[in-house]
Amino acid sequence: MDQDQLPGRIYTFHFIMLCLSNALFSASFNMLLPELPAYLTRMGGEDYKGYILALFTLMAGLSRPFSGKLTDTIGRVPVMIFGSLVCVVCSLLYPLVSSVGAFLLLRFFHGFSTGFKPTGTAAYVADIVPATRRAEAMGMVGLFSTIGLAMGPAIGGYITNHWDIHIMFQVSAVFALLSVVILMGGMRETLQDKQRFRLSTLKIARNEIFEPLVLAPVIVIFLTYLSYGVLFTIIPDFSTYLGIQNKGLFFTFFTAASISIRLLAGKVSDKYGRVPVLKISTITMAIGVFLLAIAHTPAMMLTAAIIYGVSVGMNSPAITAWTIDLGHPQHKGRALATMYIAMEAGIGLGAYLSAFIYHNDARFFPLTFYCTAVVTLMAALYLLFIYHNRRLQIMWRFVHMRAPVPIRRFLP
């Protein structure tokens, strides 16, 4: 028996290599985020800072149906490799662009990276771990991604402050390249009936864009990750406003808090269910964002970062495992792509709306965070009062009576 197939075993060689690849990939593109707003401002694009994340997530969302289909046809590993290679190429091209338009176009295409890599990664994990430990495994993969998220902004800020932003772009490319090396050298394909790539594979039918079985996770992830887009867009400016020199410090505290809770939250989700964990996480997230709205000192902002980080650490493994639980076993890529489309839509909309409300005016920081907290609270209200509504469940069963899996998959 393959060591990776031992019952109940998740910490295998391939799993550990995947986690390491994820950390490097995450660090690669996250180290750019705190520095890009100032970089774009120096180009004369101050009014377009909201597009830095919005365009990135727009392309990620548009590419999800393709990454989902390719994950289910040509394999998990090729999709992950492509996503990491996009990071390599784009990071090397940033220093070569000199206009706002060219920068935004490159940022748009950079979104291919997160449109592909996480879809292949989550499907790969679902293939190699037992369902009874799915959220724990997703928590561990997410933990390494979060480590990369913590390393990235801190490394990016340090390199930019002590050397040059162009060197930071090169380091970002090196991190992504190391992620590719791991995938090519240490990962075996897990898709059983994989096909050769053909151009016809890129043709997407209507039913391949959205997986209706995962509607509930889609609603929750859209409403919660809108706050993610808001924070990544205006926290660098908010940090400067409060007198914090290192614009990545918020993300370091946020990440440390997220890391501290992920494994425990994953195990609790596996034991007691996804929805109870998500109820707690969404309420905690709303509290964290509300605290940002009233923050007027660095200590208050960093406290909010810790609370928000705990909520994300609880939310991420539970919602990913929930999506796989509800999705069709043969269409894991499609289910995950649908979830990620909702996530990218939330992040992108959050980035755009936050830039629109904030509008480079510090007086509007509180309003931006208050609006974000209300939207986040809507996710908690959905889980508390709508998802378990019996009348709505009956209607849901009727609408999807022809679903290709037993209707019990729709029920809590």
Protein backbone atom coordinates (compact mmCIF):
# COMPACT_ATOMS: atom_id res chain seq x y z
CA MET A 1 0.00 0.00 0.00
CA ASP A 2 1.26 3.50 -0.89
CA GLN A 3 2.33 5.33 2.24
CA ASP A 4 0.18 8.27 1.18
CA GLN A 5 -2.89 6.04 1.19
CA LEU A 6 -2.64 4.72 4.76
CA PRO A 7 -6.02 5.09 6.52
CA GLY A 8 -6.26 8.28 8.59
CA ARG A 9 -2.80 9.47 7.50
CA ILE A 10 -2.46 13.07 6.31
CA TYR A 11 1.14 14.13 7.08
CA THR A 12 2.74 12.37 4.15
CA PHE A 13 5.75 13.41 2.06
CA HIS A 14 3.58 14.76 -0.75
CA PHE A 15 1.37 16.65 1.68
CA ILE A 16 4.37 18.30 3.35
CA MET A 17 5.88 19.24 -0.02
CA LEU A 18 2.55 20.73 -1.05
CA CYS A 19 2.45 22.81 2.13
CA LEU A 20 5.97 24.11 1.50
CA SER A 21 5.12 24.98 -2.10
CA ASN A 22 2.06 26.83 -0.88
CA ALA A 23 4.07 28.90 1.60
CA LEU A 24 6.51 30.01 -1.10
CA PHE A 25 3.72 30.79 -3.57
CA SER A 26 1.82 32.80 -0.97
CA ALA A 27 4.90 34.76 0.05
CA SER A 28 5.67 35.53 -3.59
CA PHE A 29 2.55 37.50 -4.41
CA ASN A 30 1.75 38.76 -0.90
CA MET A 31 5.09 40.53 -0.50
CA LEU A 32 4.02 42.88 -3.28
CA LEU A 33 0.71 43.99 -1.81
CA PRO A 34 1.79 46.57 0.83
CA GLU A 35 4.27 48.22 -1.55
CA LEU A 36 2.26 48.39 -4.77
CA PRO A 37 -0.02 51.31 -3.76
CA ALA A 38 2.99 53.61 -3.21
CA TYR A 39 4.64 52.25 -6.37
CA LEU A 40 1.54 53.06 -8.40
CA THR A 41 1.26 56.49 -6.78
CA ARG A 42 4.81 57.34 -7.91
CA MET A 43 3.68 56.52 -11.46
CA GLY A 44 0.85 59.04 -11.10
CA GLY A 45 -1.86 56.45 -10.51
CA GLU A 46 -2.92 57.47 -7.00
CA ASP A 47 -6.61 57.39 -7.94
CA TYR A 48 -6.32 53.79 -9.18
CA LYS A 49 -5.05 52.11 -6.00
CA GLY A 50 -8.33 50.24 -5.62
CA TYR A 51 -7.64 48.52 -8.94
CA ILE A 52 -4.43 46.89 -7.64
CA LEU A 53 -6.41 44.18 -5.88
CA ALA A 54 -9.62 44.52 -7.88
CA LEU A 55 -8.02 43.71 -11.25
CA PHE A 56 -5.96 40.89 -9.74
CA THR A 57 -9.03 39.25 -8.25
CA LEU A 58 -11.11 39.92 -11.37
CA MET A 59 -8.75 37.85 -13.49
CA ALA A 60 -8.54 35.22 -10.76
CA GLY A 61 -12.32 34.97 -10.77
CA LEU A 62 -12.58 34.87 -14.57
CA SER A 63 -10.00 32.10 -14.75
CA ARG A 64 -11.63 29.90 -12.10
CA PRO A 65 -14.00 28.00 -14.43
CA PHE A 66 -10.99 27.11 -16.59
CA SER A 67 -8.81 26.10 -13.64
CA GLY A 68 -11.68 24.04 -12.23
CA LYS A 69 -12.24 22.17 -15.49
CA LEU A 70 -8.51 21.66 -16.11
CA THR A 71 -8.07 20.40 -12.53
CA ASP A 72 -10.76 17.76 -13.21
CA THR A 73 -9.38 16.81 -16.65
CA ILE A 74 -5.62 17.23 -17.15
CA GLY A 75 -4.71 16.98 -13.46
CA ARG A 76 -4.03 18.86 -10.24
CA VAL A 77 -0.26 19.26 -10.59
CA PRO A 78 -0.15 20.99 -14.03
CA VAL A 79 -2.71 23.52 -12.82
CA MET A 80 -0.63 24.29 -9.72
CA ILE A 81 2.55 24.64 -11.78
CA PHE A 82 0.93 27.06 -14.20
CA GLY A 83 -0.33 29.24 -11.36
CA SER A 84 3.13 29.50 -9.80
CA LEU A 85 4.81 30.20 -13.15
CA VAL A 86 2.52 33.18 -13.70
CA CYS A 87 3.91 34.67 -10.46
CA VAL A 88 7.46 34.18 -11.72
CA VAL A 89 6.83 35.95 -15.02
CA CYS A 90 4.75 38.82 -13.65
CA SER A 91 7.15 39.59 -10.80
CA LEU A 92 9.99 39.91 -13.33
CA LEU A 93 7.90 42.20 -15.56
CA TYR A 94 6.82 44.76 -12.92
CA PRO A 95 10.13 46.71 -13.05
CA LEU A 96 9.81 46.98 -16.83
CA VAL A 97 6.45 48.79 -16.89
CA SER A 98 6.52 52.57 -16.70
CA SER A 99 2.93 53.66 -17.25
CA VAL A 100 -0.20 53.33 -15.16
CA GLY A 101 -2.03 51.51 -17.95
CA ALA A 102 0.73 48.95 -18.45
CA PHE A 103 0.97 48.39 -14.69
CA LEU A 104 -2.76 47.76 -14.36
CA LEU A 105 -2.72 45.40 -17.36
CA LEU A 106 0.11 43.40 -15.83
CA ARG A 107 -1.69 43.34 -12.50
CA PHE A 108 -4.74 41.98 -14.31
CA PHE A 109 -2.80 39.08 -15.81
CA HIS A 110 -1.06 38.39 -12.51
CA GLY A 111 -4.47 37.25 -11.27
CA PHE A 112 -4.06 34.03 -13.28
CA SER A 113 -1.76 32.85 -10.47
CA THR A 114 -4.36 32.67 -7.71
CA GLY A 115 -6.98 31.65 -10.24
CA PHE A 116 -5.11 28.38 -10.79
CA LYS A 117 -2.78 27.43 -7.91
CA PRO A 118 -5.32 27.27 -5.00
CA THR A 119 -7.87 25.32 -7.07
CA GLY A 120 -5.37 22.60 -7.91
CA THR A 121 -3.99 22.59 -4.37
CA ALA A 122 -7.35 22.12 -2.61
CA ALA A 123 -8.37 19.34 -5.01
CA TYR A 124 -5.01 17.62 -4.49
CA VAL A 125 -5.44 17.74 -0.71
CA ALA A 126 -8.98 16.35 -1.00
CA ASP A 127 -7.55 13.44 -3.01
CA ILE A 128 -4.86 12.42 -0.53
CA VAL A 129 -6.46 12.91 2.90
CA PRO A 130 -9.38 11.08 4.56
CA ALA A 131 -12.69 12.94 4.65
CA THR A 132 -12.79 12.66 8.45
CA ARG A 133 -9.69 14.87 8.69
CA ARG A 134 -10.40 17.12 5.72
CA ALA A 135 -10.72 20.41 7.60
CA GLU A 136 -7.61 19.64 9.66
CA ALA A 137 -5.65 19.07 6.45
CA MET A 138 -7.06 22.23 4.88
CA GLY A 139 -6.11 24.05 8.06
CA MET A 140 -2.52 22.86 7.78
CA VAL A 141 -2.26 23.83 4.10
CA GLY A 142 -3.82 27.17 4.95
CA LEU A 143 -1.38 27.55 7.85
CA PHE A 144 1.55 27.35 5.45
CA SER A 145 -0.17 29.76 3.09
CA THR A 146 -0.66 32.10 6.02
CA ILE A 147 2.99 31.76 6.97
CA GLY A 148 3.76 32.87 3.42
CA LEU A 149 1.30 35.72 3.81
CA ALA A 150 3.12 36.80 6.99
CA MET A 151 6.59 36.38 5.50
CA GLY A 152 5.70 38.13 2.26
CA PRO A 153 4.70 41.64 3.40
CA ALA A 154 7.41 41.67 6.10
CA ILE A 155 10.13 40.62 3.62
CA GLY A 156 8.79 42.96 0.96
CA GLY A 157 8.70 45.91 3.34
CA TYR A 158 12.20 45.19 4.64
CA ILE A 159 13.75 44.86 1.17
CA THR A 160 12.01 47.99 -0.12
CA ASN A 161 13.02 50.07 2.91
CA HIS A 162 16.67 48.93 2.92
CA TRP A 163 17.39 48.37 -0.77
CA ASP A 164 15.02 48.89 -3.67
CA ILE A 165 11.54 47.83 -4.76
CA HIS A 166 12.99 46.32 -7.96
CA ILE A 167 15.02 43.89 -5.86
CA MET A 168 11.81 43.01 -4.01
CA PHE A 169 10.20 42.09 -7.35
CA GLN A 170 13.15 39.79 -8.11
CA VAL A 171 12.91 38.08 -4.71
CA SER A 172 9.20 37.57 -5.33
CA ALA A 173 10.03 35.80 -8.60
CA VAL A 174 12.59 33.55 -6.85
CA PHE A 175 10.04 32.47 -4.23
CA ALA A 176 7.52 31.55 -6.94
CA LEU A 177 10.19 29.67 -8.90
CA LEU A 178 11.07 27.59 -5.84
CA SER A 179 7.38 26.71 -5.54
CA VAL A 180 7.47 25.43 -9.13
CA VAL A 181 10.62 23.39 -8.47
CA ILE A 182 8.93 21.60 -5.56
CA LEU A 183 5.83 20.83 -7.63
CA MET A 184 7.83 19.48 -10.56
CA GLY A 185 10.25 17.46 -8.48
CA GLY A 186 8.28 16.14 -5.55
CA MET A 187 4.62 15.77 -6.48
CA ARG A 188 2.85 12.89 -8.20
CA GLU A 189 -0.49 13.35 -9.95
CA THR A 190 -3.59 12.17 -8.04
CA LEU A 191 -6.28 12.50 -10.73
CA GLN A 192 -7.08 8.97 -11.83
CA ASP A 193 -8.59 9.47 -15.28
CA LYS A 194 -6.58 12.42 -16.51
CA GLN A 195 -6.69 13.51 -20.14
CA ARG A 196 -4.18 15.12 -22.48
CA PHE A 197 -4.56 18.87 -22.84
CA ARG A 198 -6.37 20.02 -25.96
CA LEU A 199 -7.59 23.48 -26.92
CA SER A 200 -11.14 22.09 -26.83
CA THR A 201 -10.61 21.52 -23.10
CA LEU A 202 -10.77 25.29 -22.64
CA LYS A 203 -14.32 25.40 -23.96
CA ILE A 204 -16.53 25.97 -20.92
CA ALA A 205 -20.17 24.91 -20.93
CA ARG A 206 -22.74 26.75 -18.82
CA ASN A 207 -23.00 24.01 -16.24
CA GLU A 208 -19.21 24.07 -15.79
CA ILE A 209 -19.14 27.66 -14.55
CA PHE A 210 -21.14 27.32 -11.35
CA GLU A 211 -21.68 24.32 -9.07
CA PRO A 212 -25.14 24.78 -7.47
CA LEU A 213 -24.43 22.19 -4.79
CA VAL A 214 -22.11 24.63 -3.02
CA LEU A 215 -24.40 27.68 -2.95
CA ALA A 216 -24.31 28.00 0.85
CA PRO A 217 -20.50 28.21 1.13
CA VAL A 218 -20.52 30.59 -1.83
CA ILE A 219 -22.79 33.05 -0.03
CA VAL A 220 -20.73 32.93 3.16
CA ILE A 221 -17.34 33.28 1.50
CA PHE A 222 -18.49 36.17 -0.70
CA LEU A 223 -19.78 38.18 2.26
CA THR A 224 -16.78 37.48 4.49
CA TYR A 225 -13.99 37.96 1.97
CA LEU A 226 -15.28 41.37 0.96
CA SER A 227 -13.59 42.53 4.17
CA TYR A 228 -10.35 40.94 2.96
CA GLY A 229 -10.38 43.14 -0.12
CA VAL A 230 -11.06 46.22 1.98
CA LEU A 231 -8.22 45.56 4.40
CA PHE A 232 -5.59 44.75 1.79
CA THR A 233 -6.47 47.93 -0.08
CA ILE A 234 -6.51 50.58 2.65
CA ILE A 235 -4.61 49.11 5.62
CA PRO A 236 -1.26 50.33 4.17
CA ASP A 237 -2.62 53.90 4.13
CA PHE A 238 -4.33 53.42 7.50
CA SER A 239 -1.02 52.22 8.98
CA THR A 240 0.73 55.34 7.75
CA TYR A 241 -2.10 57.49 9.10
CA LEU A 242 -1.61 55.96 12.57
CA GLY A 243 2.16 56.42 12.42
CA ILE A 244 3.22 52.83 11.69
CA GLN A 245 6.24 52.87 9.37
CA ASN A 246 6.15 49.21 8.30
CA LYS A 247 2.95 48.88 6.27
CA GLY A 248 3.13 45.09 6.57
CA LEU A 249 2.96 45.03 10.38
CA PHE A 250 -0.83 44.68 10.46
CA PHE A 251 -0.61 41.62 8.24
CA THR A 252 2.11 40.09 10.43
CA PHE A 253 -0.14 40.30 13.52
CA PHE A 254 -3.15 39.15 11.52
CA THR A 255 -1.21 36.18 10.17
CA ALA A 256 0.23 35.14 13.53
CA ALA A 257 -3.28 35.08 15.00
CA SER A 258 -4.59 33.10 12.04
CA ILE A 259 -1.80 30.54 12.36
CA SER A 260 -2.46 30.07 16.07
CA ILE A 261 -6.06 28.90 15.55
CA ARG A 262 -6.11 27.08 12.19
CA LEU A 263 -5.30 23.54 13.29
CA LEU A 264 -7.59 23.65 16.30
CA ALA A 265 -10.42 25.14 14.22
CA GLY A 266 -9.96 22.45 11.56
CA LYS A 267 -10.15 19.66 14.14
CA VAL A 268 -13.23 21.21 15.75
CA SER A 269 -14.84 21.53 12.32
CA ASP A 270 -14.18 17.84 11.59
CA LYS A 271 -15.69 16.84 14.92
CA TYR A 272 -18.64 19.20 15.39
CA GLY A 273 -19.42 20.40 11.87
CA ARG A 274 -18.58 23.25 9.52
CA VAL A 275 -21.55 25.52 10.20
CA PRO A 276 -21.07 25.91 13.99
CA VAL A 277 -17.45 26.96 13.42
CA LEU A 278 -18.47 29.38 10.67
CA LYS A 279 -21.10 31.02 12.86
CA ILE A 280 -18.47 31.86 15.45
CA SER A 281 -15.90 32.95 12.86
CA THR A 282 -18.21 35.34 11.01
CA ILE A 283 -19.30 37.07 14.22
CA THR A 284 -15.66 37.35 15.34
CA MET A 285 -14.71 38.79 11.95
CA ALA A 286 -17.38 41.48 12.17
CA ILE A 287 -16.10 42.44 15.64
CA GLY A 288 -12.53 42.73 14.33
CA VAL A 289 -13.55 45.03 11.47
CA PHE A 290 -15.74 47.13 13.78
CA LEU A 291 -12.75 47.62 16.08
CA LEU A 292 -10.77 48.98 13.13
CA ALA A 293 -13.50 51.56 12.60
CA ILE A 294 -12.96 52.98 16.10
CA ALA A 295 -9.18 52.47 16.20
CA HIS A 296 -7.17 55.65 16.72
CA THR A 297 -3.88 54.19 17.99
CA PRO A 298 -1.47 51.56 16.64
CA ALA A 299 -2.29 49.30 19.62
CA MET A 300 -6.01 49.32 18.76
CA MET A 301 -5.30 48.58 15.11
CA LEU A 302 -3.02 45.65 15.95
CA THR A 303 -5.60 44.30 18.42
CA ALA A 304 -8.13 44.39 15.60
CA ALA A 305 -5.60 42.57 13.40
CA ILE A 306 -5.36 39.75 15.97
CA ILE A 307 -9.16 39.39 16.27
CA TYR A 308 -9.58 39.45 12.49
CA GLY A 309 -6.76 36.92 12.09
CA VAL A 310 -8.42 34.51 14.52
CA SER A 311 -11.66 34.75 12.54
CA VAL A 312 -9.95 34.02 9.23
CA GLY A 313 -8.05 31.12 10.78
CA MET A 314 -11.37 29.59 11.84
CA ASN A 315 -13.20 30.44 8.63
CA SER A 316 -10.83 29.24 5.92
CA PRO A 317 -10.39 25.48 6.62
CA ALA A 318 -14.06 25.05 7.58
CA ILE A 319 -15.46 26.68 4.46
CA THR A 320 -13.07 24.87 2.11
CA ALA A 321 -13.89 21.50 3.67
CA TRP A 322 -17.61 22.36 3.60
CA THR A 323 -17.37 23.08 -0.13
CA ILE A 324 -15.75 19.70 -0.81
CA ASP A 325 -18.30 17.96 1.43
CA LEU A 326 -21.21 19.37 -0.58
CA GLY A 327 -19.69 19.15 -4.05
CA HIS A 328 -19.88 16.24 -6.47
CA PRO A 329 -16.95 13.80 -5.88
CA GLN A 330 -16.05 13.79 -9.57
CA HIS A 331 -16.18 17.58 -9.85
CA LYS A 332 -14.00 18.71 -6.97
CA GLY A 333 -12.27 21.23 -9.19
CA ARG A 334 -15.57 22.75 -10.28
CA ALA A 335 -16.89 22.99 -6.72
CA LEU A 336 -13.69 24.59 -5.49
CA ALA A 337 -13.54 26.91 -8.49
CA THR A 338 -17.08 28.07 -7.72
CA MET A 339 -16.11 28.79 -4.13
CA TYR A 340 -13.00 30.67 -5.23
CA ILE A 341 -14.99 32.70 -7.77
CA ALA A 342 -17.16 33.90 -4.90
CA MET A 343 -14.07 34.62 -2.82
CA GLU A 344 -12.40 36.61 -5.60
CA ALA A 345 -15.65 38.47 -6.28
CA GLY A 346 -15.84 39.43 -2.62
CA ILE A 347 -12.19 40.52 -2.48
CA GLY A 348 -12.43 42.45 -5.73
CA LEU A 349 -15.66 44.20 -4.79
CA GLY A 350 -14.24 45.01 -1.36
CA ALA A 351 -11.11 46.50 -2.89
CA TYR A 352 -13.09 48.61 -5.34
CA LEU A 353 -15.72 49.83 -2.86
CA SER A 354 -13.15 50.61 -0.17
CA ALA A 355 -11.15 52.77 -2.57
CA PHE A 356 -14.39 54.45 -3.67
CA ILE A 357 -15.57 55.20 -0.11
CA TYR A 358 -12.14 56.08 1.30
CA HIS A 359 -11.12 58.13 -1.76
CA ASN A 360 -7.69 58.94 -0.28
CA ASP A 361 -9.30 60.96 2.50
CA ALA A 362 -8.46 59.87 6.06
CA ARG A 363 -11.81 61.19 7.31
CA PHE A 364 -13.52 58.25 5.59
CA PHE A 365 -11.52 55.45 7.23
CA PRO A 366 -14.21 54.83 9.91
CA LEU A 367 -17.08 54.85 7.38
CA THR A 368 -15.25 52.33 5.20
CA PHE A 369 -14.73 49.94 8.11
CA TYR A 370 -18.29 50.38 9.45
CA CYS A 371 -19.77 49.45 6.06
CA THR A 372 -17.47 46.44 5.87
CA ALA A 373 -18.48 45.25 9.33
CA VAL A 374 -22.17 45.37 8.36
CA VAL A 375 -21.58 43.24 5.24
CA THR A 376 -19.57 40.72 7.27
CA LEU A 377 -22.34 40.52 9.85
CA MET A 378 -24.74 39.56 7.04
CA ALA A 379 -22.82 36.27 6.64
CA ALA A 380 -23.42 35.48 10.31
CA LEU A 381 -27.12 36.32 9.98
CA TYR A 382 -27.40 34.02 6.95
CA LEU A 383 -25.92 31.09 8.88
CA LEU A 384 -27.96 31.82 12.02
CA PHE A 385 -31.40 32.46 10.53
CA ILE A 386 -31.58 31.48 6.85
CA TYR A 387 -29.41 28.43 6.19
CA HIS A 388 -31.30 26.22 8.68
CA ASN A 389 -34.73 27.56 7.69
CA ARG A 390 -36.79 24.45 6.98
CA ARG A 391 -39.14 26.13 4.51
CA LEU A 392 -36.20 27.34 2.44
CA GLN A 393 -34.67 23.86 2.52
CA ILE A 394 -37.87 22.37 1.07
CA MET A 395 -37.81 24.96 -1.71
CA TRP A 396 -34.12 24.20 -2.31
CA ARG A 397 -34.82 20.47 -2.65
CA PHE A 398 -37.58 21.16 -5.15
CA VAL A 399 -35.40 23.41 -7.32
CA HIS A 400 -32.53 20.92 -7.38
CA MET A 401 -34.47 17.64 -7.51
CA ARG A 402 -32.56 16.69 -10.66
CA ALA A 403 -29.14 17.20 -9.11
CA PRO A 404 -26.58 14.46 -10.01
CA VAL A 405 -26.03 13.54 -6.33
CA PRO A 406 -28.45 12.56 -3.54
CA ILE A 407 -30.39 15.56 -2.30
CA ARG A 408 -29.27 14.90 1.26
CA ARG A 409 -26.01 16.63 0.33
CA PHE A 410 -27.89 19.93 0.43
CA LEU A 411 -28.95 19.46 4.05
CA PRO A 412 -26.96 20.64 7.07
